[in-house]
Amino acid sequence: MPLPDAPTRRPNNPGNRLANSRANNDLLIKGILCAFIGLGVLLAPYYITSPGMQGIVAKSSLVGWFALVLGCAFIGVHVWRRVAAQAKP
């Protein structure tokens, strides 16, 4: 069985990183949603009245921090790609 041909263009060329591409917009939406989920998990124990449920949610603060950091990273990558696309004509 022969090997496939080598790729003719690089996958990370500036043409694939347009500022208004759908992948970048999806990345922004994912980042915002992850950040909101992280904030919700971190702030929920202060607003829940049931002590049992408050303890359960408070124990999952690591998940909240992870979601918040992941969301901020997604938003940062979106901004980075957008700036890079504007810098290159």
C-alpha atoms as a PDB file:
ATOM      1  CA  MET A   1       0.000   0.000   0.000  1.00  0.00           C
ATOM      2  CA  PRO A   2       1.625   3.323  -1.041  1.00  0.00           C
ATOM      3  CA  LEU A   3       1.916   6.253   1.314  1.00  0.00           C
ATOM      4  CA  PRO A   4      -0.260   9.330   0.738  1.00  0.00           C
ATOM      5  CA  ASP A   5       1.196  12.418  -0.910  1.00  0.00           C
ATOM      6  CA  ALA A   6       2.829  15.052   1.257  1.00  0.00           C
ATOM      7  CA  PRO A   7       0.656  18.047   2.138  1.00  0.00           C
ATOM      8  CA  THR A   8       1.059  20.986  -0.195  1.00  0.00           C
ATOM      9  CA  ARG A   9       0.302  23.751   2.316  1.00  0.00           C
ATOM     10  CA  ARG A  10       0.848  24.247   6.010  1.00  0.00           C
ATOM     11  CA  PRO A  11      -2.258  23.981   8.201  1.00  0.00           C
ATOM     12  CA  ASN A  12      -1.272  27.023  10.278  1.00  0.00           C
ATOM     13  CA  ASN A  13      -0.957  29.585   7.510  1.00  0.00           C
ATOM     14  CA  PRO A  14      -2.414  33.076   8.010  1.00  0.00           C
ATOM     15  CA  GLY A  15      -5.195  32.381   5.538  1.00  0.00           C
ATOM     16  CA  ASN A  16      -6.684  29.838   7.935  1.00  0.00           C
ATOM     17  CA  ARG A  17      -6.581  32.269  10.864  1.00  0.00           C
ATOM     18  CA  LEU A  18      -8.946  34.955   9.646  1.00  0.00           C
ATOM     19  CA  ALA A  19     -10.372  37.209  12.330  1.00  0.00           C
ATOM     20  CA  ASN A  20     -13.958  36.415  11.393  1.00  0.00           C
ATOM     21  CA  SER A  21     -13.623  32.678  10.876  1.00  0.00           C
ATOM     22  CA  ARG A  22     -16.164  30.362  12.413  1.00  0.00           C
ATOM     23  CA  ALA A  23     -13.545  28.445  14.425  1.00  0.00           C
ATOM     24  CA  ASN A  24     -12.420  31.628  16.162  1.00  0.00           C
ATOM     25  CA  ASN A  25     -15.978  32.634  16.959  1.00  0.00           C
ATOM     26  CA  ASP A  26     -16.703  29.165  18.339  1.00  0.00           C
ATOM     27  CA  LEU A  27     -13.586  29.437  20.476  1.00  0.00           C
ATOM     28  CA  LEU A  28     -14.849  32.713  21.923  1.00  0.00           C
ATOM     29  CA  ILE A  29     -18.255  31.212  22.708  1.00  0.00           C
ATOM     30  CA  LYS A  30     -16.648  28.194  24.385  1.00  0.00           C
ATOM     31  CA  GLY A  31     -14.403  30.481  26.402  1.00  0.00           C
ATOM     32  CA  ILE A  32     -17.259  32.642  27.629  1.00  0.00           C
ATOM     33  CA  LEU A  33     -19.371  29.617  28.556  1.00  0.00           C
ATOM     34  CA  CYS A  34     -16.499  27.907  30.402  1.00  0.00           C
ATOM     35  CA  ALA A  35     -15.732  31.102  32.302  1.00  0.00           C
ATOM     36  CA  PHE A  36     -19.395  31.501  33.314  1.00  0.00           C
ATOM     37  CA  ILE A  37     -19.578  27.878  34.430  1.00  0.00           C
ATOM     38  CA  GLY A  38     -16.400  28.277  36.454  1.00  0.00           C
ATOM     39  CA  LEU A  39     -17.676  31.443  38.097  1.00  0.00           C
ATOM     40  CA  GLY A  40     -21.002  29.764  38.787  1.00  0.00           C
ATOM     41  CA  VAL A  41     -19.360  26.804  40.507  1.00  0.00           C
ATOM     42  CA  LEU A  42     -17.082  29.059  42.544  1.00  0.00           C
ATOM     43  CA  LEU A  43     -19.797  31.511  43.624  1.00  0.00           C
ATOM     44  CA  ALA A  44     -22.688  29.076  44.107  1.00  0.00           C
ATOM     45  CA  PRO A  45     -21.824  27.975  47.683  1.00  0.00           C
ATOM     46  CA  TYR A  46     -22.383  31.536  48.899  1.00  0.00           C
ATOM     47  CA  TYR A  47     -25.944  31.632  47.548  1.00  0.00           C
ATOM     48  CA  ILE A  48     -27.176  28.073  48.214  1.00  0.00           C
ATOM     49  CA  THR A  49     -29.233  27.837  51.396  1.00  0.00           C
ATOM     50  CA  SER A  50     -29.171  24.055  51.865  1.00  0.00           C
ATOM     51  CA  PRO A  51     -26.108  23.082  53.941  1.00  0.00           C
ATOM     52  CA  GLY A  52     -25.793  19.670  52.288  1.00  0.00           C
ATOM     53  CA  MET A  53     -25.882  21.027  48.782  1.00  0.00           C
ATOM     54  CA  GLN A  54     -23.612  23.896  49.785  1.00  0.00           C
ATOM     55  CA  GLY A  55     -20.986  21.396  50.954  1.00  0.00           C
ATOM     56  CA  ILE A  56     -21.209  19.350  47.773  1.00  0.00           C
ATOM     57  CA  VAL A  57     -20.730  22.387  45.547  1.00  0.00           C
ATOM     58  CA  ALA A  58     -17.962  23.771  47.767  1.00  0.00           C
ATOM     59  CA  LYS A  59     -16.011  20.523  47.391  1.00  0.00           C
ATOM     60  CA  SER A  60     -16.020  20.940  43.627  1.00  0.00           C
ATOM     61  CA  SER A  61     -14.154  24.249  43.682  1.00  0.00           C
ATOM     62  CA  LEU A  62     -11.218  22.655  41.838  1.00  0.00           C
ATOM     63  CA  VAL A  63     -13.540  22.002  38.894  1.00  0.00           C
ATOM     64  CA  GLY A  64     -14.688  25.612  39.024  1.00  0.00           C
ATOM     65  CA  TRP A  65     -11.132  26.925  38.956  1.00  0.00           C
ATOM     66  CA  PHE A  66     -10.274  24.604  36.071  1.00  0.00           C
ATOM     67  CA  ALA A  67     -13.294  25.779  34.064  1.00  0.00           C
ATOM     68  CA  LEU A  68     -12.485  29.416  34.784  1.00  0.00           C
ATOM     69  CA  VAL A  69      -8.842  29.059  33.720  1.00  0.00           C
ATOM     70  CA  LEU A  70      -9.820  27.068  30.629  1.00  0.00           C
ATOM     71  CA  GLY A  71     -12.385  29.682  29.653  1.00  0.00           C
ATOM     72  CA  CYS A  72      -9.858  32.493  30.084  1.00  0.00           C
ATOM     73  CA  ALA A  73      -7.350  30.529  27.996  1.00  0.00           C
ATOM     74  CA  PHE A  74      -9.902  30.075  25.194  1.00  0.00           C
ATOM     75  CA  ILE A  75     -10.690  33.787  25.244  1.00  0.00           C
ATOM     76  CA  GLY A  76      -6.961  34.586  25.221  1.00  0.00           C
ATOM     77  CA  VAL A  77      -6.361  32.348  22.196  1.00  0.00           C
ATOM     78  CA  HIS A  78      -9.272  34.006  20.415  1.00  0.00           C
ATOM     79  CA  VAL A  79      -7.819  37.474  21.084  1.00  0.00           C
ATOM     80  CA  TRP A  80      -4.332  36.310  20.082  1.00  0.00           C
ATOM     81  CA  ARG A  81      -5.595  34.926  16.761  1.00  0.00           C
ATOM     82  CA  ARG A  82      -7.585  38.057  16.091  1.00  0.00           C
ATOM     83  CA  VAL A  83      -4.594  40.315  16.704  1.00  0.00           C
ATOM     84  CA  ALA A  84      -2.381  38.086  14.550  1.00  0.00           C
ATOM     85  CA  ALA A  85      -4.903  38.164  11.713  1.00  0.00           C
ATOM     86  CA  GLN A  86      -5.106  41.963  11.822  1.00  0.00           C
ATOM     87  CA  ALA A  87      -1.317  42.333  11.870  1.00  0.00           C
ATOM     88  CA  LYS A  88      -0.850  40.268   8.701  1.00  0.00           C
ATOM     89  CA  PRO A  89      -2.564  41.615   5.575  1.00  0.00           C
END
